[in-house]
C-alpha cells in the first residue's frame, strides 16, 4: 500500500530533475512503467473490504470490460 501512496505522491507533486536531460520527469515515468498495478489493485481492494466487507467484489458478468484482478497481478 505504501508503494501506491508513494507513486500517487510522485504524480501529484511532480518535481523536475535539475540535471540536463531530455525529460525532467524521467524518474516518474520509470516508476509508472515498473509499478505492479495488479498487486496494488488487490491490496487496495483487500484494505477497503477489511473495513466494509464485500464492498468491492469481482464481477462475473462476462462482459468484455470485465478483468479479473487475479489475472492482472500475474503479469
N, C-alpha and C. Protein backbone atom coordinates (compact mmCIF):
# COMPACT_ATOMS: atom_id res chain seq x y z
N UNK A 1 0.83 -1.19 0.00
CA UNK A 1 0.00 0.00 0.00
C UNK A 1 0.88 1.26 0.00
N UNK A 2 2.01 1.20 0.66
CA UNK A 2 2.88 2.37 0.69
C UNK A 2 3.44 2.70 -0.69
N UNK A 3 3.69 1.68 -1.51
CA UNK A 3 4.17 1.92 -2.88
C UNK A 3 3.13 2.68 -3.69
N UNK A 4 1.85 2.34 -3.48
CA UNK A 4 0.76 3.02 -4.18
C UNK A 4 0.71 4.49 -3.77
N UNK A 5 0.85 4.73 -2.48
CA UNK A 5 0.81 6.11 -1.97
C UNK A 5 2.02 6.89 -2.47
N UNK A 6 3.20 6.25 -2.49
CA UNK A 6 4.40 6.92 -2.98
C UNK A 6 4.26 7.30 -4.46
N UNK A 7 3.73 6.38 -5.27
CA UNK A 7 3.54 6.68 -6.69
C UNK A 7 2.54 7.82 -6.87
N UNK A 8 1.48 7.78 -6.12
CA UNK A 8 0.47 8.84 -6.18
C UNK A 8 1.10 10.19 -5.84
N UNK A 9 1.93 10.22 -4.81
CA UNK A 9 2.58 11.47 -4.41
C UNK A 9 3.56 11.97 -5.46
N UNK A 10 4.27 11.05 -6.12
CA UNK A 10 5.19 11.45 -7.19
C UNK A 10 4.44 12.10 -8.35
N UNK A 11 3.27 11.56 -8.65
CA UNK A 11 2.47 12.09 -9.77
C UNK A 11 1.86 13.44 -9.41
N UNK A 12 1.29 13.53 -8.22
CA UNK A 12 0.60 14.76 -7.81
C UNK A 12 1.59 15.89 -7.56
N UNK A 13 2.74 15.57 -6.99
CA UNK A 13 3.73 16.59 -6.65
C UNK A 13 4.97 16.45 -7.54
N UNK A 14 4.76 16.60 -8.84
CA UNK A 14 5.86 16.46 -9.80
C UNK A 14 6.97 17.46 -9.52
N UNK A 15 8.18 16.94 -9.47
CA UNK A 15 9.35 17.79 -9.27
C UNK A 15 10.34 17.47 -10.38
N UNK A 16 10.68 18.45 -11.21
CA UNK A 16 11.60 18.19 -12.31
C UNK A 16 13.02 17.90 -11.81
N UNK A 17 13.72 17.07 -12.57
CA UNK A 17 15.13 16.80 -12.29
C UNK A 17 15.93 18.03 -12.68
N UNK A 18 16.89 18.42 -11.86
CA UNK A 18 17.64 19.64 -12.12
C UNK A 18 18.75 19.45 -13.16
N UNK A 19 19.19 18.22 -13.38
CA UNK A 19 20.27 17.99 -14.33
C UNK A 19 19.78 18.08 -15.77
N UNK A 20 20.71 18.27 -16.68
CA UNK A 20 20.37 18.33 -18.11
C UNK A 20 19.95 16.94 -18.59
N UNK A 21 18.77 16.84 -19.10
CA UNK A 21 18.25 15.57 -19.60
C UNK A 21 17.16 15.86 -20.61
N UNK A 22 16.80 14.84 -21.40
CA UNK A 22 15.76 15.05 -22.41
C UNK A 22 14.37 15.12 -21.80
N UNK A 23 14.23 14.66 -20.57
CA UNK A 23 12.95 14.79 -19.88
C UNK A 23 13.21 15.10 -18.42
N UNK A 24 12.46 15.99 -17.89
CA UNK A 24 12.64 16.40 -16.49
C UNK A 24 11.94 15.47 -15.50
N UNK A 25 11.15 14.55 -16.00
CA UNK A 25 10.36 13.68 -15.12
C UNK A 25 10.67 12.21 -15.36
N UNK A 26 11.89 11.90 -15.71
CA UNK A 26 12.30 10.54 -16.05
C UNK A 26 12.02 9.55 -14.91
N UNK A 27 12.27 9.97 -13.68
CA UNK A 27 12.06 9.11 -12.52
C UNK A 27 10.59 8.69 -12.40
N UNK A 28 9.70 9.64 -12.60
CA UNK A 28 8.26 9.34 -12.51
C UNK A 28 7.83 8.41 -13.64
N UNK A 29 8.30 8.67 -14.85
CA UNK A 29 7.97 7.81 -15.99
C UNK A 29 8.41 6.37 -15.74
N UNK A 30 9.62 6.21 -15.25
CA UNK A 30 10.13 4.87 -14.98
C UNK A 30 9.35 4.19 -13.86
N UNK A 31 8.98 4.93 -12.85
CA UNK A 31 8.17 4.37 -11.76
C UNK A 31 6.82 3.88 -12.27
N UNK A 32 6.21 4.64 -13.17
CA UNK A 32 4.93 4.26 -13.74
C UNK A 32 5.04 2.99 -14.57
N UNK A 33 6.14 2.85 -15.29
CA UNK A 33 6.33 1.65 -16.12
C UNK A 33 6.61 0.41 -15.29
N UNK A 34 7.31 0.57 -14.18
CA UNK A 34 7.68 -0.58 -13.35
C UNK A 34 6.65 -0.94 -12.29
N UNK A 35 5.68 -0.09 -12.07
CA UNK A 35 4.72 -0.28 -10.99
C UNK A 35 3.88 -1.54 -11.20
N UNK A 36 3.67 -2.30 -10.14
CA UNK A 36 2.88 -3.53 -10.19
C UNK A 36 1.41 -3.18 -9.93
N UNK A 37 0.69 -2.84 -10.98
CA UNK A 37 -0.69 -2.38 -10.84
C UNK A 37 -1.63 -3.47 -10.34
N UNK A 38 -1.45 -4.69 -10.81
CA UNK A 38 -2.32 -5.78 -10.38
C UNK A 38 -2.23 -6.03 -8.89
N UNK A 39 -1.01 -6.09 -8.38
CA UNK A 39 -0.81 -6.29 -6.94
C UNK A 39 -1.40 -5.14 -6.14
N UNK A 40 -1.21 -3.93 -6.64
CA UNK A 40 -1.73 -2.75 -5.96
C UNK A 40 -3.26 -2.76 -5.91
N UNK A 41 -3.90 -3.14 -7.02
CA UNK A 41 -5.37 -3.22 -7.04
C UNK A 41 -5.88 -4.22 -6.01
N UNK A 42 -5.23 -5.37 -5.93
CA UNK A 42 -5.65 -6.38 -4.96
C UNK A 42 -5.46 -5.88 -3.53
N UNK A 43 -4.35 -5.20 -3.29
CA UNK A 43 -4.07 -4.69 -1.95
C UNK A 43 -5.10 -3.65 -1.53
N UNK A 44 -5.41 -2.73 -2.42
CA UNK A 44 -6.40 -1.69 -2.11
C UNK A 44 -7.77 -2.31 -1.92
N UNK A 45 -8.13 -3.28 -2.77
CA UNK A 45 -9.42 -3.97 -2.62
C UNK A 45 -9.50 -4.64 -1.25
N UNK A 46 -8.46 -5.36 -0.86
CA UNK A 46 -8.46 -6.05 0.42
C UNK A 46 -8.51 -5.07 1.59
N UNK A 47 -7.82 -3.96 1.46
CA UNK A 47 -7.81 -2.93 2.51
C UNK A 47 -9.22 -2.35 2.70
N UNK A 48 -9.86 -2.00 1.60
CA UNK A 48 -11.22 -1.43 1.68
C UNK A 48 -12.20 -2.47 2.20
N UNK A 49 -12.09 -3.70 1.71
CA UNK A 49 -13.00 -4.76 2.15
C UNK A 49 -12.79 -5.14 3.61
N UNK A 50 -11.65 -4.84 4.17
CA UNK A 50 -11.42 -5.09 5.60
C UNK A 50 -12.36 -4.23 6.43
N UNK A 51 -12.56 -2.98 6.02
CA UNK A 51 -13.41 -2.06 6.77
C UNK A 51 -14.88 -2.16 6.37
N UNK A 52 -15.14 -2.51 5.14
CA UNK A 52 -16.52 -2.67 4.64
C UNK A 52 -16.57 -3.97 3.85
N UNK A 53 -16.86 -5.09 4.51
CA UNK A 53 -16.81 -6.40 3.84
C UNK A 53 -17.64 -6.45 2.54
N UNK A 54 -17.02 -7.00 1.50
CA UNK A 54 -17.64 -7.21 0.19
C UNK A 54 -18.07 -5.93 -0.51
N UNK A 55 -17.48 -4.82 -0.13
CA UNK A 55 -17.80 -3.57 -0.83
C UNK A 55 -17.28 -3.63 -2.26
N UNK A 56 -16.08 -4.17 -2.43
CA UNK A 56 -15.51 -4.35 -3.77
C UNK A 56 -15.43 -5.86 -4.00
N UNK A 57 -16.11 -6.32 -5.03
CA UNK A 57 -16.09 -7.75 -5.33
C UNK A 57 -15.95 -7.96 -6.83
N UNK A 58 -15.49 -9.15 -7.20
CA UNK A 58 -15.30 -9.46 -8.61
C UNK A 58 -16.64 -9.51 -9.34
N UNK A 59 -16.63 -9.07 -10.57
CA UNK A 59 -17.81 -9.13 -11.42
C UNK A 59 -17.72 -10.39 -12.29
N UNK A 60 -18.71 -11.21 -12.25
CA UNK A 60 -18.72 -12.44 -13.04
C UNK A 60 -19.70 -12.36 -14.20
N UNK A 61 -19.97 -11.14 -14.67
CA UNK A 61 -20.97 -10.94 -15.71
C UNK A 61 -20.47 -11.43 -17.07
N UNK A 62 -19.15 -11.49 -17.27
CA UNK A 62 -18.61 -12.00 -18.52
C UNK A 62 -18.56 -10.98 -19.65
N UNK A 63 -18.93 -9.74 -19.41
CA UNK A 63 -18.84 -8.72 -20.45
C UNK A 63 -17.39 -8.44 -20.80
N UNK A 64 -17.16 -7.89 -21.97
CA UNK A 64 -15.79 -7.70 -22.44
C UNK A 64 -15.00 -6.71 -21.59
N UNK A 65 -15.65 -5.86 -20.81
CA UNK A 65 -14.92 -4.91 -19.97
C UNK A 65 -14.57 -5.50 -18.61
N UNK A 66 -14.84 -6.76 -18.42
CA UNK A 66 -14.50 -7.44 -17.17
C UNK A 66 -13.05 -7.92 -17.19
N UNK A 67 -12.31 -7.59 -16.16
CA UNK A 67 -10.93 -8.07 -16.00
C UNK A 67 -10.78 -8.58 -14.58
N UNK A 68 -10.34 -9.79 -14.46
CA UNK A 68 -10.11 -10.37 -13.14
C UNK A 68 -8.87 -9.73 -12.52
N UNK A 69 -8.97 -9.28 -11.31
CA UNK A 69 -7.83 -8.70 -10.62
C UNK A 69 -6.73 -9.75 -10.46
N UNK A 70 -7.10 -10.99 -10.23
CA UNK A 70 -6.11 -12.05 -10.09
C UNK A 70 -5.29 -12.23 -11.35
N UNK A 71 -5.92 -12.09 -12.51
CA UNK A 71 -5.20 -12.22 -13.78
C UNK A 71 -4.25 -11.04 -14.01
N UNK A 72 -4.61 -9.86 -13.55
CA UNK A 72 -3.76 -8.69 -13.73
C UNK A 72 -2.46 -8.81 -12.95
N UNK A 73 -2.54 -9.37 -11.75
CA UNK A 73 -1.36 -9.42 -10.90
C UNK A 73 -0.34 -10.45 -11.37
N UNK A 74 -0.73 -11.37 -12.25
CA UNK A 74 0.18 -12.37 -12.76
C UNK A 74 1.13 -11.83 -13.81
N UNK A 75 0.81 -10.68 -14.37
CA UNK A 75 1.61 -10.13 -15.48
C UNK A 75 2.75 -9.30 -14.98
